[in-house]
């Protein structure tokens, strides 16, 4: 294990959402402040939507840690369920005893009693629903109906929906427009820029007990490039690099170790059909597109160039163009002059 070798008290790049290791980048601070404001202002519904691995769950744990002394809170992550199961999970999280085969009506009555008790005690009631993109539309409608618990003066319940971009897709459906209209605060988390990647790594190492730099500047730049600024990817790269560095007895993690980690995590050679290339959906340059297409068949040396005056292709244009090239290469068709 590399902890002793690198002078660490504990694992700095673990996979659990431990708030002690949360690095509050400017983007994370802004997201946390927005969610906090939505609760404090009694807005009812708040949504946090970001790509996988951006630290949403850790951020929410930090939020709940700060709220618990003064608020009643519930955290739900079991979102692949129907409406009845959802209410069961919610009531169990609140410590309520459920009767066998209890119906939705009685569950709602039990939940309303909890809300009124907390309201009389002057405590906010906050429910966080993580991985909300997995909720079926019927369950999202159940969630919307929970917000109907209110007095003429205030909402009895604050709900935070947290999920991946697929949650935004669902909320954009016409059938869910009533729920979308009730979400008064919508926030996201942007990937870390390169300078923040270095701060993220240093923060987590410091939290684990190491003060001296461990990764070289070139290694950090390579991690920033490979990870695309996504915290989970950064942590995975750092964990693997430290494991590999320890086996090499390397006191400093240099760019060569990071490159070896990247090679070890290259899945292309392990895929069931390694001849199929997967392209990222963002805009890519025509030169990169041509290189990727040529890699499918080293004998092909006359792939035509589409003219865009040197500009980057949009994702739609690039993928359409590459699909045509891949089809022709796999079927041994010639390209038009």
C-alpha atoms as a PDB file:
ATOM      1  CA  UNK A   1       0.000   0.000   0.000  1.00  0.00           C
ATOM      2  CA  UNK A   2       1.371   3.435  -0.881  1.00  0.00           C
ATOM      3  CA  UNK A   3       0.164   5.330   2.216  1.00  0.00           C
ATOM      4  CA  UNK A   4       3.326   4.773   4.264  1.00  0.00           C
ATOM      5  CA  UNK A   5       5.566   5.173   1.235  1.00  0.00           C
ATOM      6  CA  UNK A   6       4.180   8.644   0.497  1.00  0.00           C
ATOM      7  CA  UNK A   7       3.673   9.688   4.129  1.00  0.00           C
ATOM      8  CA  UNK A   8      -0.128   9.701   4.154  1.00  0.00           C
ATOM      9  CA  UNK A   9      -2.490   9.127   7.078  1.00  0.00           C
ATOM     10  CA  UNK A  10      -5.310   7.895   4.829  1.00  0.00           C
ATOM     11  CA  UNK A  11      -6.351   7.448   1.241  1.00  0.00           C
ATOM     12  CA  UNK A  12      -6.495  10.925  -0.389  1.00  0.00           C
ATOM     13  CA  UNK A  13      -8.291   9.843  -3.543  1.00  0.00           C
ATOM     14  CA  UNK A  14     -10.993   7.553  -2.220  1.00  0.00           C
ATOM     15  CA  UNK A  15     -14.315   6.931  -3.941  1.00  0.00           C
ATOM     16  CA  UNK A  16     -16.626   7.770  -1.014  1.00  0.00           C
ATOM     17  CA  UNK A  17     -18.207  11.260  -0.843  1.00  0.00           C
ATOM     18  CA  UNK A  18     -16.291  12.388   2.262  1.00  0.00           C
ATOM     19  CA  UNK A  19     -16.865  16.139   2.859  1.00  0.00           C
ATOM     20  CA  UNK A  20     -13.421  16.406   4.485  1.00  0.00           C
ATOM     21  CA  UNK A  21     -11.864  15.946   1.062  1.00  0.00           C
ATOM     22  CA  UNK A  22     -14.257  18.230  -0.781  1.00  0.00           C
ATOM     23  CA  UNK A  23     -12.345  20.831  -2.753  1.00  0.00           C
ATOM     24  CA  UNK A  24     -14.540  23.880  -3.148  1.00  0.00           C
ATOM     25  CA  UNK A  25     -13.522  25.301  -6.491  1.00  0.00           C
ATOM     26  CA  UNK A  26     -15.183  28.585  -7.506  1.00  0.00           C
ATOM     27  CA  UNK A  27     -17.728  26.539  -9.480  1.00  0.00           C
ATOM     28  CA  UNK A  28     -18.477  24.322  -6.469  1.00  0.00           C
ATOM     29  CA  UNK A  29     -18.757  27.330  -4.145  1.00  0.00           C
ATOM     30  CA  UNK A  30     -21.204  28.982  -6.485  1.00  0.00           C
ATOM     31  CA  UNK A  31     -23.309  25.818  -6.756  1.00  0.00           C
ATOM     32  CA  UNK A  32     -23.336  25.331  -2.980  1.00  0.00           C
ATOM     33  CA  UNK A  33     -24.271  28.973  -2.413  1.00  0.00           C
ATOM     34  CA  UNK A  34     -27.113  28.746  -4.947  1.00  0.00           C
ATOM     35  CA  UNK A  35     -28.597  25.650  -3.331  1.00  0.00           C
ATOM     36  CA  UNK A  36     -28.222  27.204   0.109  1.00  0.00           C
ATOM     37  CA  UNK A  37     -29.950  30.356  -1.036  1.00  0.00           C
ATOM     38  CA  UNK A  38     -32.824  28.368  -2.537  1.00  0.00           C
ATOM     39  CA  UNK A  39     -33.402  26.674   0.830  1.00  0.00           C
ATOM     40  CA  UNK A  40     -32.972  29.830   2.886  1.00  0.00           C
ATOM     41  CA  UNK A  41     -35.397  31.736   0.667  1.00  0.00           C
ATOM     42  CA  UNK A  42     -37.965  28.940   0.868  1.00  0.00           C
ATOM     43  CA  UNK A  43     -38.175  28.500  -2.881  1.00  0.00           C
ATOM     44  CA  UNK A  44     -39.506  24.941  -2.678  1.00  0.00           C
ATOM     45  CA  UNK A  45     -37.628  23.233  -5.515  1.00  0.00           C
ATOM     46  CA  UNK A  46     -33.931  23.493  -6.381  1.00  0.00           C
ATOM     47  CA  UNK A  47     -32.099  21.457  -9.031  1.00  0.00           C
ATOM     48  CA  UNK A  48     -28.389  20.655  -9.275  1.00  0.00           C
ATOM     49  CA  UNK A  49     -27.497  19.147 -12.657  1.00  0.00           C
ATOM     50  CA  UNK A  50     -23.959  18.274 -13.741  1.00  0.00           C
ATOM     51  CA  UNK A  51     -21.947  15.624 -15.552  1.00  0.00           C
ATOM     52  CA  UNK A  52     -21.031  12.382 -13.746  1.00  0.00           C
ATOM     53  CA  UNK A  53     -18.002  12.669 -11.484  1.00  0.00           C
ATOM     54  CA  UNK A  54     -18.299  16.404 -10.826  1.00  0.00           C
ATOM     55  CA  UNK A  55     -18.740  15.963  -7.056  1.00  0.00           C
ATOM     56  CA  UNK A  56     -22.489  16.561  -6.745  1.00  0.00           C
ATOM     57  CA  UNK A  57     -22.999  13.954  -4.008  1.00  0.00           C
ATOM     58  CA  UNK A  58     -20.027  15.171  -1.953  1.00  0.00           C
ATOM     59  CA  UNK A  59     -21.320  18.721  -2.265  1.00  0.00           C
ATOM     60  CA  UNK A  60     -24.752  17.624  -1.051  1.00  0.00           C
ATOM     61  CA  UNK A  61     -23.218  15.796   1.924  1.00  0.00           C
ATOM     62  CA  UNK A  62     -21.443  19.036   2.808  1.00  0.00           C
ATOM     63  CA  UNK A  63     -24.756  20.880   2.551  1.00  0.00           C
ATOM     64  CA  UNK A  64     -26.570  18.395   4.788  1.00  0.00           C
ATOM     65  CA  UNK A  65     -23.748  18.498   7.312  1.00  0.00           C
ATOM     66  CA  UNK A  66     -24.254  22.237   7.653  1.00  0.00           C
ATOM     67  CA  UNK A  67     -28.064  21.985   7.752  1.00  0.00           C
ATOM     68  CA  UNK A  68     -28.533  19.171  10.252  1.00  0.00           C
ATOM     69  CA  UNK A  69     -28.124  21.261  13.453  1.00  0.00           C
ATOM     70  CA  UNK A  70     -31.079  23.460  12.489  1.00  0.00           C
ATOM     71  CA  UNK A  71     -33.136  21.467   9.942  1.00  0.00           C
ATOM     72  CA  UNK A  72     -34.796  18.078   9.468  1.00  0.00           C
ATOM     73  CA  UNK A  73     -33.120  16.423   6.503  1.00  0.00           C
ATOM     74  CA  UNK A  74     -33.529  13.313   4.376  1.00  0.00           C
ATOM     75  CA  UNK A  75     -31.155  12.014   1.722  1.00  0.00           C
ATOM     76  CA  UNK A  76     -32.508   9.631  -0.929  1.00  0.00           C
ATOM     77  CA  UNK A  77     -30.373   7.861  -3.509  1.00  0.00           C
ATOM     78  CA  UNK A  78     -32.534   4.793  -4.304  1.00  0.00           C
ATOM     79  CA  UNK A  79     -34.219   6.278  -7.336  1.00  0.00           C
ATOM     80  CA  UNK A  80     -34.903   3.234  -9.497  1.00  0.00           C
ATOM     81  CA  UNK A  81     -38.317   2.669  -7.959  1.00  0.00           C
ATOM     82  CA  UNK A  82     -42.035   3.285  -8.341  1.00  0.00           C
ATOM     83  CA  UNK A  83     -44.027   5.908  -6.418  1.00  0.00           C
ATOM     84  CA  UNK A  84     -44.935   3.618  -3.538  1.00  0.00           C
ATOM     85  CA  UNK A  85     -41.338   2.461  -3.099  1.00  0.00           C
ATOM     86  CA  UNK A  86     -40.160   6.067  -3.237  1.00  0.00           C
ATOM     87  CA  UNK A  87     -42.476   7.050  -0.370  1.00  0.00           C
ATOM     88  CA  UNK A  88     -41.322   4.015   1.617  1.00  0.00           C
ATOM     89  CA  UNK A  89     -37.676   5.037   1.186  1.00  0.00           C
ATOM     90  CA  UNK A  90     -38.522   8.587   2.221  1.00  0.00           C
ATOM     91  CA  UNK A  91     -40.437   7.620   5.353  1.00  0.00           C
ATOM     92  CA  UNK A  92     -37.776   5.121   6.403  1.00  0.00           C
ATOM     93  CA  UNK A  93     -35.116   7.795   5.998  1.00  0.00           C
ATOM     94  CA  UNK A  94     -37.165   9.890   8.414  1.00  0.00           C
ATOM     95  CA  UNK A  95     -37.371   7.030  10.908  1.00  0.00           C
ATOM     96  CA  UNK A  96     -41.098   6.420  10.466  1.00  0.00           C
ATOM     97  CA  UNK A  97     -42.517   2.963  11.113  1.00  0.00           C
ATOM     98  CA  UNK A  98     -44.368   1.523   8.127  1.00  0.00           C
ATOM     99  CA  UNK A  99     -47.171  -0.964   8.157  1.00  0.00           C
ATOM    100  CA  UNK A 100     -47.099  -3.957   5.766  1.00  0.00           C
ATOM    101  CA  UNK A 101     -48.793  -3.173   2.461  1.00  0.00           C
ATOM    102  CA  UNK A 102     -49.339   0.446   3.479  1.00  0.00           C
ATOM    103  CA  UNK A 103     -50.940   2.403   0.641  1.00  0.00           C
ATOM    104  CA  UNK A 104     -49.839   5.711  -0.844  1.00  0.00           C
ATOM    105  CA  UNK A 105     -52.629   7.710   0.793  1.00  0.00           C
ATOM    106  CA  UNK A 106     -51.644   6.671   4.319  1.00  0.00           C
ATOM    107  CA  UNK A 107     -47.971   7.248   3.481  1.00  0.00           C
ATOM    108  CA  UNK A 108     -48.760  10.793   2.405  1.00  0.00           C
ATOM    109  CA  UNK A 109     -50.703  11.326   5.640  1.00  0.00           C
ATOM    110  CA  UNK A 110     -47.748  10.074   7.695  1.00  0.00           C
ATOM    111  CA  UNK A 111     -45.377  12.320   5.783  1.00  0.00           C
ATOM    112  CA  UNK A 112     -47.668  15.325   6.281  1.00  0.00           C
ATOM    113  CA  UNK A 113     -47.644  14.690  10.043  1.00  0.00           C
ATOM    114  CA  UNK A 114     -43.849  14.788  10.016  1.00  0.00           C
ATOM    115  CA  UNK A 115     -43.892  18.041   8.085  1.00  0.00           C
ATOM    116  CA  UNK A 116     -46.316  19.711  10.478  1.00  0.00           C
ATOM    117  CA  UNK A 117     -44.309  18.596  13.515  1.00  0.00           C
ATOM    118  CA  UNK A 118     -41.154  20.167  12.112  1.00  0.00           C
ATOM    119  CA  UNK A 119     -43.030  23.315  11.084  1.00  0.00           C
ATOM    120  CA  UNK A 120     -44.371  23.752  14.634  1.00  0.00           C
ATOM    121  CA  UNK A 121     -40.816  23.323  15.931  1.00  0.00           C
ATOM    122  CA  UNK A 122     -39.632  26.020  13.529  1.00  0.00           C
ATOM    123  CA  UNK A 123     -37.261  23.701  11.701  1.00  0.00           C
ATOM    124  CA  UNK A 124     -36.916  23.652   7.893  1.00  0.00           C
ATOM    125  CA  UNK A 125     -37.589  20.288   6.259  1.00  0.00           C
ATOM    126  CA  UNK A 126     -35.128  19.490   3.443  1.00  0.00           C
ATOM    127  CA  UNK A 127     -35.240  16.425   1.183  1.00  0.00           C
ATOM    128  CA  UNK A 128     -32.297  15.750  -1.134  1.00  0.00           C
ATOM    129  CA  UNK A 129     -32.927  13.336  -4.017  1.00  0.00           C
ATOM    130  CA  UNK A 130     -29.642  12.211  -5.562  1.00  0.00           C
ATOM    131  CA  UNK A 131     -29.372  10.440  -8.939  1.00  0.00           C
ATOM    132  CA  UNK A 132     -32.752  11.967  -9.767  1.00  0.00           C
ATOM    133  CA  UNK A 133     -32.232  11.292 -13.489  1.00  0.00           C
ATOM    134  CA  UNK A 134     -33.255   7.674 -12.745  1.00  0.00           C
ATOM    135  CA  UNK A 135     -36.719   8.647 -11.501  1.00  0.00           C
ATOM    136  CA  UNK A 136     -39.555   7.626 -13.771  1.00  0.00           C
ATOM    137  CA  UNK A 137     -41.901  10.451 -14.862  1.00  0.00           C
ATOM    138  CA  UNK A 138     -44.653   9.039 -12.632  1.00  0.00           C
ATOM    139  CA  UNK A 139     -42.320   9.225  -9.615  1.00  0.00           C
ATOM    140  CA  UNK A 140     -41.262  12.756 -10.540  1.00  0.00           C
ATOM    141  CA  UNK A 141     -44.955  13.632 -10.510  1.00  0.00           C
ATOM    142  CA  UNK A 142     -45.168  12.148  -6.988  1.00  0.00           C
ATOM    143  CA  UNK A 143     -42.234  14.362  -6.013  1.00  0.00           C
ATOM    144  CA  UNK A 144     -44.041  17.388  -7.441  1.00  0.00           C
ATOM    145  CA  UNK A 145     -47.130  16.611  -5.395  1.00  0.00           C
ATOM    146  CA  UNK A 146     -45.026  16.580  -2.233  1.00  0.00           C
ATOM    147  CA  UNK A 147     -44.483  20.298  -2.714  1.00  0.00           C
ATOM    148  CA  UNK A 148     -48.237  20.832  -2.228  1.00  0.00           C
ATOM    149  CA  UNK A 149     -47.672  20.413   1.504  1.00  0.00           C
ATOM    150  CA  UNK A 150     -47.659  24.048   2.574  1.00  0.00           C
ATOM    151  CA  UNK A 151     -49.339  26.645   4.723  1.00  0.00           C
ATOM    152  CA  UNK A 152     -50.690  29.984   3.424  1.00  0.00           C
ATOM    153  CA  UNK A 153     -47.480  31.586   4.689  1.00  0.00           C
ATOM    154  CA  UNK A 154     -44.706  29.175   3.696  1.00  0.00           C
ATOM    155  CA  UNK A 155     -43.628  25.951   2.047  1.00  0.00           C
ATOM    156  CA  UNK A 156     -43.324  23.097   4.528  1.00  0.00           C
ATOM    157  CA  UNK A 157     -40.805  21.256   2.378  1.00  0.00           C
ATOM    158  CA  UNK A 158     -37.658  22.137   0.428  1.00  0.00           C
ATOM    159  CA  UNK A 159     -36.695  19.611  -2.261  1.00  0.00           C
ATOM    160  CA  UNK A 160     -33.303  19.392  -3.989  1.00  0.00           C
ATOM    161  CA  UNK A 161     -33.167  17.337  -7.174  1.00  0.00           C
ATOM    162  CA  UNK A 162     -29.624  16.334  -8.066  1.00  0.00           C
ATOM    163  CA  UNK A 163     -28.707  14.430 -11.195  1.00  0.00           C
ATOM    164  CA  UNK A 164     -26.865  14.034 -14.447  1.00  0.00           C
ATOM    165  CA  UNK A 165     -27.775  15.843 -17.696  1.00  0.00           C
ATOM    166  CA  UNK A 166     -30.431  13.201 -18.384  1.00  0.00           C
ATOM    167  CA  UNK A 167     -32.420  14.854 -15.596  1.00  0.00           C
ATOM    168  CA  UNK A 168     -32.572  18.033 -17.664  1.00  0.00           C
ATOM    169  CA  UNK A 169     -33.823  15.948 -20.601  1.00  0.00           C
ATOM    170  CA  UNK A 170     -36.678  14.617 -18.482  1.00  0.00           C
ATOM    171  CA  UNK A 171     -37.569  17.992 -17.019  1.00  0.00           C
ATOM    172  CA  UNK A 172     -37.794  19.412 -20.543  1.00  0.00           C
ATOM    173  CA  UNK A 173     -40.612  16.996 -21.446  1.00  0.00           C
ATOM    174  CA  UNK A 174     -44.004  18.664 -21.928  1.00  0.00           C
ATOM    175  CA  UNK A 175     -45.585  16.129 -19.574  1.00  0.00           C
ATOM    176  CA  UNK A 176     -43.398  17.419 -16.721  1.00  0.00           C
ATOM    177  CA  UNK A 177     -43.825  21.140 -17.351  1.00  0.00           C
ATOM    178  CA  UNK A 178     -45.635  21.623 -14.016  1.00  0.00           C
ATOM    179  CA  UNK A 179     -42.613  20.248 -12.151  1.00  0.00           C
ATOM    180  CA  UNK A 180     -40.218  22.306 -14.260  1.00  0.00           C
ATOM    181  CA  UNK A 181     -42.195  25.466 -13.474  1.00  0.00           C
ATOM    182  CA  UNK A 182     -41.774  24.850  -9.751  1.00  0.00           C
ATOM    183  CA  UNK A 183     -37.981  24.637  -9.946  1.00  0.00           C
ATOM    184  CA  UNK A 184     -37.021  28.200  -9.118  1.00  0.00           C
ATOM    185  CA  UNK A 185     -33.264  27.611  -8.688  1.00  0.00           C
ATOM    186  CA  UNK A 186     -31.257  25.654 -11.267  1.00  0.00           C
ATOM    187  CA  UNK A 187     -27.501  25.340 -10.922  1.00  0.00           C
ATOM    188  CA  UNK A 188     -24.638  23.291 -12.364  1.00  0.00           C
ATOM    189  CA  UNK A 189     -20.929  22.598 -11.798  1.00  0.00           C
ATOM    190  CA  UNK A 190     -18.368  23.249 -14.525  1.00  0.00           C
ATOM    191  CA  UNK A 191     -15.210  21.097 -14.953  1.00  0.00           C
ATOM    192  CA  UNK A 192     -12.059  22.326 -13.235  1.00  0.00           C
ATOM    193  CA  UNK A 193      -9.658  24.437 -15.319  1.00  0.00           C
ATOM    194  CA  UNK A 194      -5.985  23.306 -15.281  1.00  0.00           C
ATOM    195  CA  UNK A 195      -4.930  25.615 -12.433  1.00  0.00           C
ATOM    196  CA  UNK A 196      -7.785  24.298 -10.285  1.00  0.00           C
ATOM    197  CA  UNK A 197      -6.749  20.697 -10.998  1.00  0.00           C
ATOM    198  CA  UNK A 198      -3.429  21.384  -9.261  1.00  0.00           C
ATOM    199  CA  UNK A 199      -5.258  22.916  -6.279  1.00  0.00           C
ATOM    200  CA  UNK A 200      -7.658  19.957  -6.146  1.00  0.00           C
ATOM    201  CA  UNK A 201      -4.762  17.468  -5.980  1.00  0.00           C
ATOM    202  CA  UNK A 202      -2.877  19.522  -3.379  1.00  0.00           C
ATOM    203  CA  UNK A 203      -6.007  19.947  -1.230  1.00  0.00           C
ATOM    204  CA  UNK A 204      -6.728  16.231  -1.077  1.00  0.00           C
ATOM    205  CA  UNK A 205      -3.103  15.343  -0.348  1.00  0.00           C
ATOM    206  CA  UNK A 206      -3.028  17.932   2.458  1.00  0.00           C
ATOM    207  CA  UNK A 207      -6.270  16.535   3.910  1.00  0.00           C
ATOM    208  CA  UNK A 208      -4.642  13.083   3.962  1.00  0.00           C
ATOM    209  CA  UNK A 209      -1.553  14.357   5.796  1.00  0.00           C
ATOM    210  CA  UNK A 210       1.003  15.225   3.110  1.00  0.00           C
ATOM    211  CA  UNK A 211       2.254  18.807   2.792  1.00  0.00           C
ATOM    212  CA  UNK A 212       5.059  18.394   0.257  1.00  0.00           C
ATOM    213  CA  UNK A 213       4.283  18.309  -3.491  1.00  0.00           C
ATOM    214  CA  UNK A 214       4.002  14.794  -4.877  1.00  0.00           C
ATOM    215  CA  UNK A 215       3.131  15.299  -8.548  1.00  0.00           C
ATOM    216  CA  UNK A 216       5.448  17.174 -10.895  1.00  0.00           C
ATOM    217  CA  UNK A 217       4.089  20.203 -12.746  1.00  0.00           C
ATOM    218  CA  UNK A 218       4.181  18.267 -16.034  1.00  0.00           C
ATOM    219  CA  UNK A 219       2.319  15.360 -14.421  1.00  0.00           C
ATOM    220  CA  UNK A 220      -0.406  17.705 -13.168  1.00  0.00           C
ATOM    221  CA  UNK A 221      -0.782  19.240 -16.626  1.00  0.00           C
ATOM    222  CA  UNK A 222      -1.142  15.754 -18.112  1.00  0.00           C
ATOM    223  CA  UNK A 223      -3.745  14.793 -15.489  1.00  0.00           C
ATOM    224  CA  UNK A 224      -5.687  17.960 -16.288  1.00  0.00           C
ATOM    225  CA  UNK A 225      -5.651  17.044 -19.970  1.00  0.00           C
ATOM    226  CA  UNK A 226      -6.631  13.396 -19.498  1.00  0.00           C
ATOM    227  CA  UNK A 227      -9.293  14.035 -16.853  1.00  0.00           C
ATOM    228  CA  UNK A 228     -11.021  16.888 -18.719  1.00  0.00           C
ATOM    229  CA  UNK A 229     -11.233  18.620 -15.346  1.00  0.00           C
ATOM    230  CA  UNK A 230     -13.699  16.086 -13.900  1.00  0.00           C
ATOM    231  CA  UNK A 231     -12.866  15.489 -10.199  1.00  0.00           C
ATOM    232  CA  UNK A 232     -13.629  11.751 -10.251  1.00  0.00           C
ATOM    233  CA  UNK A 233     -11.323  11.268 -13.237  1.00  0.00           C
ATOM    234  CA  UNK A 234      -8.609  13.294 -11.479  1.00  0.00           C
ATOM    235  CA  UNK A 235      -8.901  11.127  -8.368  1.00  0.00           C
ATOM    236  CA  UNK A 236      -8.815   7.896 -10.369  1.00  0.00           C
ATOM    237  CA  UNK A 237      -5.713   9.044 -12.262  1.00  0.00           C
ATOM    238  CA  UNK A 238      -3.952  10.113  -9.071  1.00  0.00           C
ATOM    239  CA  UNK A 239      -4.777   6.869  -7.249  1.00  0.00           C
ATOM    240  CA  UNK A 240      -3.469   4.756 -10.116  1.00  0.00           C
ATOM    241  CA  UNK A 241      -0.376   6.937 -10.501  1.00  0.00           C
ATOM    242  CA  UNK A 242       0.461   6.649  -6.811  1.00  0.00           C
ATOM    243  CA  UNK A 243      -0.004   2.885  -6.899  1.00  0.00           C
ATOM    244  CA  UNK A 244       2.265   2.623  -9.929  1.00  0.00           C
ATOM    245  CA  UNK A 245       4.757   5.123  -8.513  1.00  0.00           C
ATOM    246  CA  UNK A 246       5.037   3.148  -5.284  1.00  0.00           C
ATOM    247  CA  UNK A 247       5.759  -0.047  -7.214  1.00  0.00           C
ATOM    248  CA  UNK A 248       8.543   1.856  -9.050  1.00  0.00           C
ATOM    249  CA  UNK A 249       9.823   3.335  -5.745  1.00  0.00           C
ATOM    250  CA  UNK A 250       9.330   6.787  -7.273  1.00  0.00           C
ATOM    251  CA  UNK A 251       9.227   9.526  -4.643  1.00  0.00           C
ATOM    252  CA  UNK A 252       7.795  11.983  -7.166  1.00  0.00           C
ATOM    253  CA  UNK A 253       5.076  11.200  -9.687  1.00  0.00           C
ATOM    254  CA  UNK A 254       6.329  12.409 -13.053  1.00  0.00           C
ATOM    255  CA  UNK A 255       4.620  12.698 -16.426  1.00  0.00           C
ATOM    256  CA  UNK A 256       5.964   9.312 -17.530  1.00  0.00           C
ATOM    257  CA  UNK A 257       3.990   7.556 -14.806  1.00  0.00           C
ATOM    258  CA  UNK A 258       0.835   9.458 -15.807  1.00  0.00           C
ATOM    259  CA  UNK A 259       1.330   8.408 -19.425  1.00  0.00           C
ATOM    260  CA  UNK A 260       1.674   4.788 -18.318  1.00  0.00           C
ATOM    261  CA  UNK A 261      -1.553   5.113 -16.314  1.00  0.00           C
ATOM    262  CA  UNK A 262      -3.305   6.520 -19.385  1.00  0.00           C
ATOM    263  CA  UNK A 263      -2.073   3.591 -21.474  1.00  0.00           C
ATOM    264  CA  UNK A 264      -3.235   1.090 -18.845  1.00  0.00           C
ATOM    265  CA  UNK A 265      -6.728   2.618 -18.913  1.00  0.00           C
ATOM    266  CA  UNK A 266      -7.040   2.621 -22.706  1.00  0.00           C
ATOM    267  CA  UNK A 267     -10.046   0.374 -23.359  1.00  0.00           C
ATOM    268  CA  UNK A 268      -9.905   0.428 -27.146  1.00  0.00           C
ATOM    269  CA  UNK A 269      -7.832  -2.732 -27.361  1.00  0.00           C
ATOM    270  CA  UNK A 270     -10.184  -4.578 -25.004  1.00  0.00           C
ATOM    271  CA  UNK A 271     -13.431  -3.810 -26.804  1.00  0.00           C
ATOM    272  CA  UNK A 272     -15.421  -6.560 -28.488  1.00  0.00           C
ATOM    273  CA  UNK A 273     -15.037  -4.763 -31.834  1.00  0.00           C
ATOM    274  CA  UNK A 274     -11.786  -2.763 -31.659  1.00  0.00           C
ATOM    275  CA  UNK A 275     -12.273  -1.633 -35.258  1.00  0.00           C
ATOM    276  CA  UNK A 276     -15.140   0.629 -34.223  1.00  0.00           C
ATOM    277  CA  UNK A 277     -13.989   4.039 -33.091  1.00  0.00           C
ATOM    278  CA  UNK A 278     -15.988   6.028 -30.555  1.00  0.00           C
ATOM    279  CA  UNK A 279     -15.890   9.778 -31.009  1.00  0.00           C
ATOM    280  CA  UNK A 280     -16.650  12.329 -28.352  1.00  0.00           C
ATOM    281  CA  UNK A 281     -19.719  14.423 -29.096  1.00  0.00           C
ATOM    282  CA  UNK A 282     -18.004  17.813 -28.875  1.00  0.00           C
ATOM    283  CA  UNK A 283     -16.670  19.684 -31.892  1.00  0.00           C
ATOM    284  CA  UNK A 284     -13.432  18.204 -33.223  1.00  0.00           C
ATOM    285  CA  UNK A 285     -10.977  19.516 -35.773  1.00  0.00           C
ATOM    286  CA  UNK A 286     -11.009  18.164 -39.300  1.00  0.00           C
ATOM    287  CA  UNK A 287      -7.369  17.153 -38.965  1.00  0.00           C
ATOM    288  CA  UNK A 288      -8.148  15.008 -35.897  1.00  0.00           C
ATOM    289  CA  UNK A 289     -11.169  13.515 -37.637  1.00  0.00           C
ATOM    290  CA  UNK A 290      -9.038  12.534 -40.637  1.00  0.00           C
ATOM    291  CA  UNK A 291      -6.404  10.941 -38.415  1.00  0.00           C
ATOM    292  CA  UNK A 292      -9.022   8.898 -36.547  1.00  0.00           C
ATOM    293  CA  UNK A 293     -10.638   7.739 -39.768  1.00  0.00           C
ATOM    294  CA  UNK A 294      -7.306   6.723 -41.321  1.00  0.00           C
ATOM    295  CA  UNK A 295      -6.505   4.653 -38.232  1.00  0.00           C
ATOM    296  CA  UNK A 296      -9.257   2.244 -39.274  1.00  0.00           C
ATOM    297  CA  UNK A 297      -7.278   1.076 -42.300  1.00  0.00           C
ATOM    298  CA  UNK A 298      -3.586   1.863 -42.721  1.00  0.00           C
ATOM    299  CA  UNK A 299      -3.776   0.870 -46.412  1.00  0.00           C
ATOM    300  CA  UNK A 300      -6.198   3.715 -47.175  1.00  0.00           C
ATOM    301  CA  UNK A 301      -4.316   6.882 -48.136  1.00  0.00           C
ATOM    302  CA  UNK A 302      -6.810   8.885 -50.146  1.00  0.00           C
ATOM    303  CA  UNK A 303      -9.520  10.002 -47.729  1.00  0.00           C
ATOM    304  CA  UNK A 304     -11.063  13.164 -49.180  1.00  0.00           C
ATOM    305  CA  UNK A 305     -10.948  16.426 -47.284  1.00  0.00           C
ATOM    306  CA  UNK A 306     -14.116  18.400 -46.746  1.00  0.00           C
ATOM    307  CA  UNK A 307     -13.597  22.123 -47.060  1.00  0.00           C
ATOM    308  CA  UNK A 308     -14.544  24.211 -44.010  1.00  0.00           C
ATOM    309  CA  UNK A 309     -11.862  26.920 -44.379  1.00  0.00           C
ATOM    310  CA  UNK A 310      -9.838  25.370 -41.594  1.00  0.00           C
ATOM    311  CA  UNK A 311     -12.649  25.744 -39.037  1.00  0.00           C
ATOM    312  CA  UNK A 312     -13.587  23.039 -36.521  1.00  0.00           C
ATOM    313  CA  UNK A 313     -16.462  20.839 -37.529  1.00  0.00           C
ATOM    314  CA  UNK A 314     -19.500  20.806 -35.315  1.00  0.00           C
ATOM    315  CA  UNK A 315     -20.189  17.498 -33.576  1.00  0.00           C
ATOM    316  CA  UNK A 316     -23.062  16.744 -35.957  1.00  0.00           C
ATOM    317  CA  UNK A 317     -21.014  17.521 -39.083  1.00  0.00           C
ATOM    318  CA  UNK A 318     -17.937  15.642 -37.856  1.00  0.00           C
ATOM    319  CA  UNK A 319     -19.827  12.529 -36.837  1.00  0.00           C
ATOM    320  CA  UNK A 320     -21.802  12.456 -40.096  1.00  0.00           C
ATOM    321  CA  UNK A 321     -18.605  12.821 -42.120  1.00  0.00           C
ATOM    322  CA  UNK A 322     -16.764  10.162 -40.103  1.00  0.00           C
ATOM    323  CA  UNK A 323     -19.654   7.721 -40.306  1.00  0.00           C
ATOM    324  CA  UNK A 324     -19.501   7.952 -44.100  1.00  0.00           C
ATOM    325  CA  UNK A 325     -15.731   7.345 -44.058  1.00  0.00           C
ATOM    326  CA  UNK A 326     -16.028   4.417 -41.631  1.00  0.00           C
ATOM    327  CA  UNK A 327     -18.736   2.851 -43.783  1.00  0.00           C
ATOM    328  CA  UNK A 328     -16.626   3.157 -46.920  1.00  0.00           C
ATOM    329  CA  UNK A 329     -13.484   1.827 -45.242  1.00  0.00           C
ATOM    330  CA  UNK A 330     -15.281  -1.200 -43.773  1.00  0.00           C
ATOM    331  CA  UNK A 331     -16.929  -2.029 -47.085  1.00  0.00           C
ATOM    332  CA  UNK A 332     -13.741  -1.374 -49.093  1.00  0.00           C
ATOM    333  CA  UNK A 333     -15.467   1.262 -51.203  1.00  0.00           C
ATOM    334  CA  UNK A 334     -13.498   3.883 -53.067  1.00  0.00           C
ATOM    335  CA  UNK A 335     -13.849   7.550 -52.275  1.00  0.00           C
ATOM    336  CA  UNK A 336     -15.066  10.018 -54.908  1.00  0.00           C
ATOM    337  CA  UNK A 337     -12.477  12.396 -56.261  1.00  0.00           C
END
